[in-house]
Amino acid sequence: MSDAKVFLNGHIDVPADRLTDVTAALPQHIALTRAEAGVSSY
């Protein structure tokens, strides 16, 4: 296995009428992403 590191940074454009739903879903999405194998920092 390679010791190469990947750094990912992103941006999400959310329509105003979906902002409440997306904001509510983000904590779960973040938790699932951080729990993925190989994620070492955030």
PDB file of N, CA and C in Angstrom:
ATOM      1  N   MET A   1       0.839  -1.177   0.000  1.00  0.00           N
ATOM      2  CA  MET A   1       0.000   0.000   0.000  1.00  0.00           C
ATOM      3  C   MET A   1       0.882   1.238   0.000  1.00  0.00           C
ATOM      4  N   SER A   2       0.467   2.252  -0.724  1.00  0.00           N
ATOM      5  CA  SER A   2       1.216   3.497  -0.843  1.00  0.00           C
ATOM      6  C   SER A   2       1.024   4.375   0.391  1.00  0.00           C
ATOM      7  N   ASP A   3       2.046   5.153   0.696  1.00  0.00           N
ATOM      8  CA  ASP A   3       1.948   6.133   1.783  1.00  0.00           C
ATOM      9  C   ASP A   3       1.489   7.490   1.267  1.00  0.00           C
ATOM     10  N   ALA A   4       1.066   7.567   0.013  1.00  0.00           N
ATOM     11  CA  ALA A   4       0.619   8.829  -0.568  1.00  0.00           C
ATOM     12  C   ALA A   4      -0.603   9.352   0.181  1.00  0.00           C
ATOM     13  N   LYS A   5      -0.659  10.651   0.325  1.00  0.00           N
ATOM     14  CA  LYS A   5      -1.790  11.272   1.003  1.00  0.00           C
ATOM     15  C   LYS A   5      -2.596  12.096   0.006  1.00  0.00           C
ATOM     16  N   VAL A   6      -3.879  12.108   0.221  1.00  0.00           N
ATOM     17  CA  VAL A   6      -4.775  12.908  -0.597  1.00  0.00           C
ATOM     18  C   VAL A   6      -5.453  13.907   0.321  1.00  0.00           C
ATOM     19  N   PHE A   7      -5.438  15.151  -0.071  1.00  0.00           N
ATOM     20  CA  PHE A   7      -6.103  16.200   0.681  1.00  0.00           C
ATOM     21  C   PHE A   7      -7.286  16.679  -0.146  1.00  0.00           C
ATOM     22  N   LEU A   8      -8.444  16.679   0.463  1.00  0.00           N
ATOM     23  CA  LEU A   8      -9.659  17.035  -0.247  1.00  0.00           C
ATOM     24  C   LEU A   8     -10.325  18.215   0.440  1.00  0.00           C
ATOM     25  N   ASN A   9     -10.691  19.180  -0.365  1.00  0.00           N
ATOM     26  CA  ASN A   9     -11.390  20.351   0.118  1.00  0.00           C
ATOM     27  C   ASN A   9     -12.552  20.572  -0.832  1.00  0.00           C
ATOM     28  N   GLY A  10     -13.697  20.948  -0.322  1.00  0.00           N
ATOM     29  CA  GLY A  10     -14.836  21.079  -1.219  1.00  0.00           C
ATOM     30  C   GLY A  10     -15.759  22.216  -0.851  1.00  0.00           C
ATOM     31  N   HIS A  11     -16.709  22.426  -1.730  1.00  0.00           N
ATOM     32  CA  HIS A  11     -17.707  23.479  -1.576  1.00  0.00           C
ATOM     33  C   HIS A  11     -19.012  22.936  -2.120  1.00  0.00           C
ATOM     34  N   ILE A  12     -20.099  23.204  -1.446  1.00  0.00           N
ATOM     35  CA  ILE A  12     -21.408  22.763  -1.902  1.00  0.00           C
ATOM     36  C   ILE A  12     -22.284  23.995  -2.124  1.00  0.00           C
ATOM     37  N   ASP A  13     -22.799  24.146  -3.334  1.00  0.00           N
ATOM     38  CA  ASP A  13     -23.792  25.184  -3.607  1.00  0.00           C
ATOM     39  C   ASP A  13     -25.167  24.579  -3.325  1.00  0.00           C
ATOM     40  N   VAL A  14     -25.880  25.163  -2.382  1.00  0.00           N
ATOM     41  CA  VAL A  14     -27.180  24.639  -1.976  1.00  0.00           C
ATOM     42  C   VAL A  14     -28.252  25.681  -2.280  1.00  0.00           C
ATOM     43  N   PRO A  15     -29.278  25.282  -3.008  1.00  0.00           N
ATOM     44  CA  PRO A  15     -30.380  26.218  -3.240  1.00  0.00           C
ATOM     45  C   PRO A  15     -31.006  26.642  -1.907  1.00  0.00           C
ATOM     46  N   ALA A  16     -31.435  27.858  -1.822  1.00  0.00           N
ATOM     47  CA  ALA A  16     -31.983  28.406  -0.573  1.00  0.00           C
ATOM     48  C   ALA A  16     -33.122  27.550  -0.022  1.00  0.00           C
ATOM     49  N   ASP A  17     -33.929  26.992  -0.895  1.00  0.00           N
ATOM     50  CA  ASP A  17     -35.074  26.207  -0.423  1.00  0.00           C
ATOM     51  C   ASP A  17     -34.678  24.841   0.113  1.00  0.00           C
ATOM     52  N   ARG A  18     -33.416  24.430  -0.031  1.00  0.00           N
ATOM     53  CA  ARG A  18     -32.943  23.139   0.490  1.00  0.00           C
ATOM     54  C   ARG A  18     -31.945  23.305   1.625  1.00  0.00           C
ATOM     55  N   LEU A  19     -31.606  24.535   1.959  1.00  0.00           N
ATOM     56  CA  LEU A  19     -30.553  24.812   2.939  1.00  0.00           C
ATOM     57  C   LEU A  19     -30.841  24.171   4.297  1.00  0.00           C
ATOM     58  N   THR A  20     -32.060  24.231   4.767  1.00  0.00           N
ATOM     59  CA  THR A  20     -32.404  23.643   6.062  1.00  0.00           C
ATOM     60  C   THR A  20     -32.174  22.138   6.054  1.00  0.00           C
ATOM     61  N   ASP A  21     -32.611  21.470   4.993  1.00  0.00           N
ATOM     62  CA  ASP A  21     -32.437  20.012   4.904  1.00  0.00           C
ATOM     63  C   ASP A  21     -30.967  19.622   4.824  1.00  0.00           C
ATOM     64  N   VAL A  22     -30.205  20.337   4.015  1.00  0.00           N
ATOM     65  CA  VAL A  22     -28.782  20.018   3.848  1.00  0.00           C
ATOM     66  C   VAL A  22     -28.028  20.286   5.147  1.00  0.00           C
ATOM     67  N   THR A  23     -28.324  21.395   5.795  1.00  0.00           N
ATOM     68  CA  THR A  23     -27.674  21.723   7.068  1.00  0.00           C
ATOM     69  C   THR A  23     -27.960  20.651   8.115  1.00  0.00           C
ATOM     70  N   ALA A  24     -29.178  20.151   8.143  1.00  0.00           N
ATOM     71  CA  ALA A  24     -29.539  19.109   9.101  1.00  0.00           C
ATOM     72  C   ALA A  24     -28.822  17.788   8.806  1.00  0.00           C
ATOM     73  N   ALA A  25     -28.561  17.504   7.537  1.00  0.00           N
ATOM     74  CA  ALA A  25     -27.937  16.238   7.149  1.00  0.00           C
ATOM     75  C   ALA A  25     -26.407  16.263   7.269  1.00  0.00           C
ATOM     76  N   LEU A  26     -25.809  17.417   7.309  1.00  0.00           N
ATOM     77  CA  LEU A  26     -24.344  17.508   7.311  1.00  0.00           C
ATOM     78  C   LEU A  26     -23.663  16.815   8.489  1.00  0.00           C
ATOM     79  N   PRO A  27     -24.133  16.929   9.718  1.00  0.00           N
ATOM     80  CA  PRO A  27     -23.433  16.240  10.820  1.00  0.00           C
ATOM     81  C   PRO A  27     -23.308  14.734  10.595  1.00  0.00           C
ATOM     82  N   GLN A  28     -24.352  14.091  10.108  1.00  0.00           N
ATOM     83  CA  GLN A  28     -24.287  12.648   9.830  1.00  0.00           C
ATOM     84  C   GLN A  28     -23.313  12.364   8.690  1.00  0.00           C
ATOM     85  N   HIS A  29     -23.342  13.176   7.667  1.00  0.00           N
ATOM     86  CA  HIS A  29     -22.429  13.006   6.540  1.00  0.00           C
ATOM     87  C   HIS A  29     -20.975  13.152   6.999  1.00  0.00           C
ATOM     88  N   ILE A  30     -20.721  14.137   7.822  1.00  0.00           N
ATOM     89  CA  ILE A  30     -19.364  14.364   8.335  1.00  0.00           C
ATOM     90  C   ILE A  30     -18.914  13.179   9.188  1.00  0.00           C
ATOM     91  N   ALA A  31     -19.786  12.704  10.061  1.00  0.00           N
ATOM     92  CA  ALA A  31     -19.444  11.563  10.920  1.00  0.00           C
ATOM     93  C   ALA A  31     -19.129  10.326  10.090  1.00  0.00           C
ATOM     94  N   LEU A  32     -19.930  10.060   9.076  1.00  0.00           N
ATOM     95  CA  LEU A  32     -19.685   8.893   8.224  1.00  0.00           C
ATOM     96  C   LEU A  32     -18.372   9.026   7.458  1.00  0.00           C
ATOM     97  N   THR A  33     -18.087  10.227   6.975  1.00  0.00           N
ATOM     98  CA  THR A  33     -16.839  10.458   6.240  1.00  0.00           C
ATOM     99  C   THR A  33     -15.635  10.250   7.155  1.00  0.00           C
ATOM    100  N   ARG A  34     -15.689  10.793   8.354  1.00  0.00           N
ATOM    101  CA  ARG A  34     -14.576  10.656   9.306  1.00  0.00           C
ATOM    102  C   ARG A  34     -14.374   9.218   9.752  1.00  0.00           C
ATOM    103  N   ALA A  35     -15.417   8.396   9.696  1.00  0.00           N
ATOM    104  CA  ALA A  35     -15.335   7.002  10.111  1.00  0.00           C
ATOM    105  C   ALA A  35     -14.769   6.091   9.015  1.00  0.00           C
ATOM    106  N   GLU A  36     -14.597   6.608   7.811  1.00  0.00           N
ATOM    107  CA  GLU A  36     -14.075   5.792   6.718  1.00  0.00           C
ATOM    108  C   GLU A  36     -12.634   5.376   6.978  1.00  0.00           C
ATOM    109  N   ALA A  37     -12.307   4.187   6.557  1.00  0.00           N
ATOM    110  CA  ALA A  37     -10.935   3.694   6.707  1.00  0.00           C
ATOM    111  C   ALA A  37      -9.953   4.624   6.010  1.00  0.00           C
ATOM    112  N   GLY A  38      -8.879   4.927   6.692  1.00  0.00           N
ATOM    113  CA  GLY A  38      -7.823   5.735   6.094  1.00  0.00           C
ATOM    114  C   GLY A  38      -7.933   7.220   6.361  1.00  0.00           C
ATOM    115  N   VAL A  39      -9.055   7.676   6.890  1.00  0.00           N
ATOM    116  CA  VAL A  39      -9.188   9.098   7.208  1.00  0.00           C
ATOM    117  C   VAL A  39      -8.410   9.355   8.479  1.00  0.00           C
ATOM    118  N   SER A  40      -7.378  10.193   8.360  1.00  0.00           N
ATOM    119  CA  SER A  40      -6.491  10.392   9.506  1.00  0.00           C
ATOM    120  C   SER A  40      -6.574  11.794  10.086  1.00  0.00           C
ATOM    121  N   SER A  41      -7.152  12.743   9.376  1.00  0.00           N
ATOM    122  CA  SER A  41      -7.289  14.092   9.918  1.00  0.00           C
ATOM    123  C   SER A  41      -8.454  14.768   9.225  1.00  0.00           C
ATOM    124  N   TYR A  42      -8.909  15.822   9.843  1.00  0.00           N
ATOM    125  CA  TYR A  42     -10.031  16.577   9.279  1.00  0.00           C
ATOM    126  C   TYR A  42     -10.058  17.971   9.814  1.00  0.00           C
TER     127      TYR A  42
END
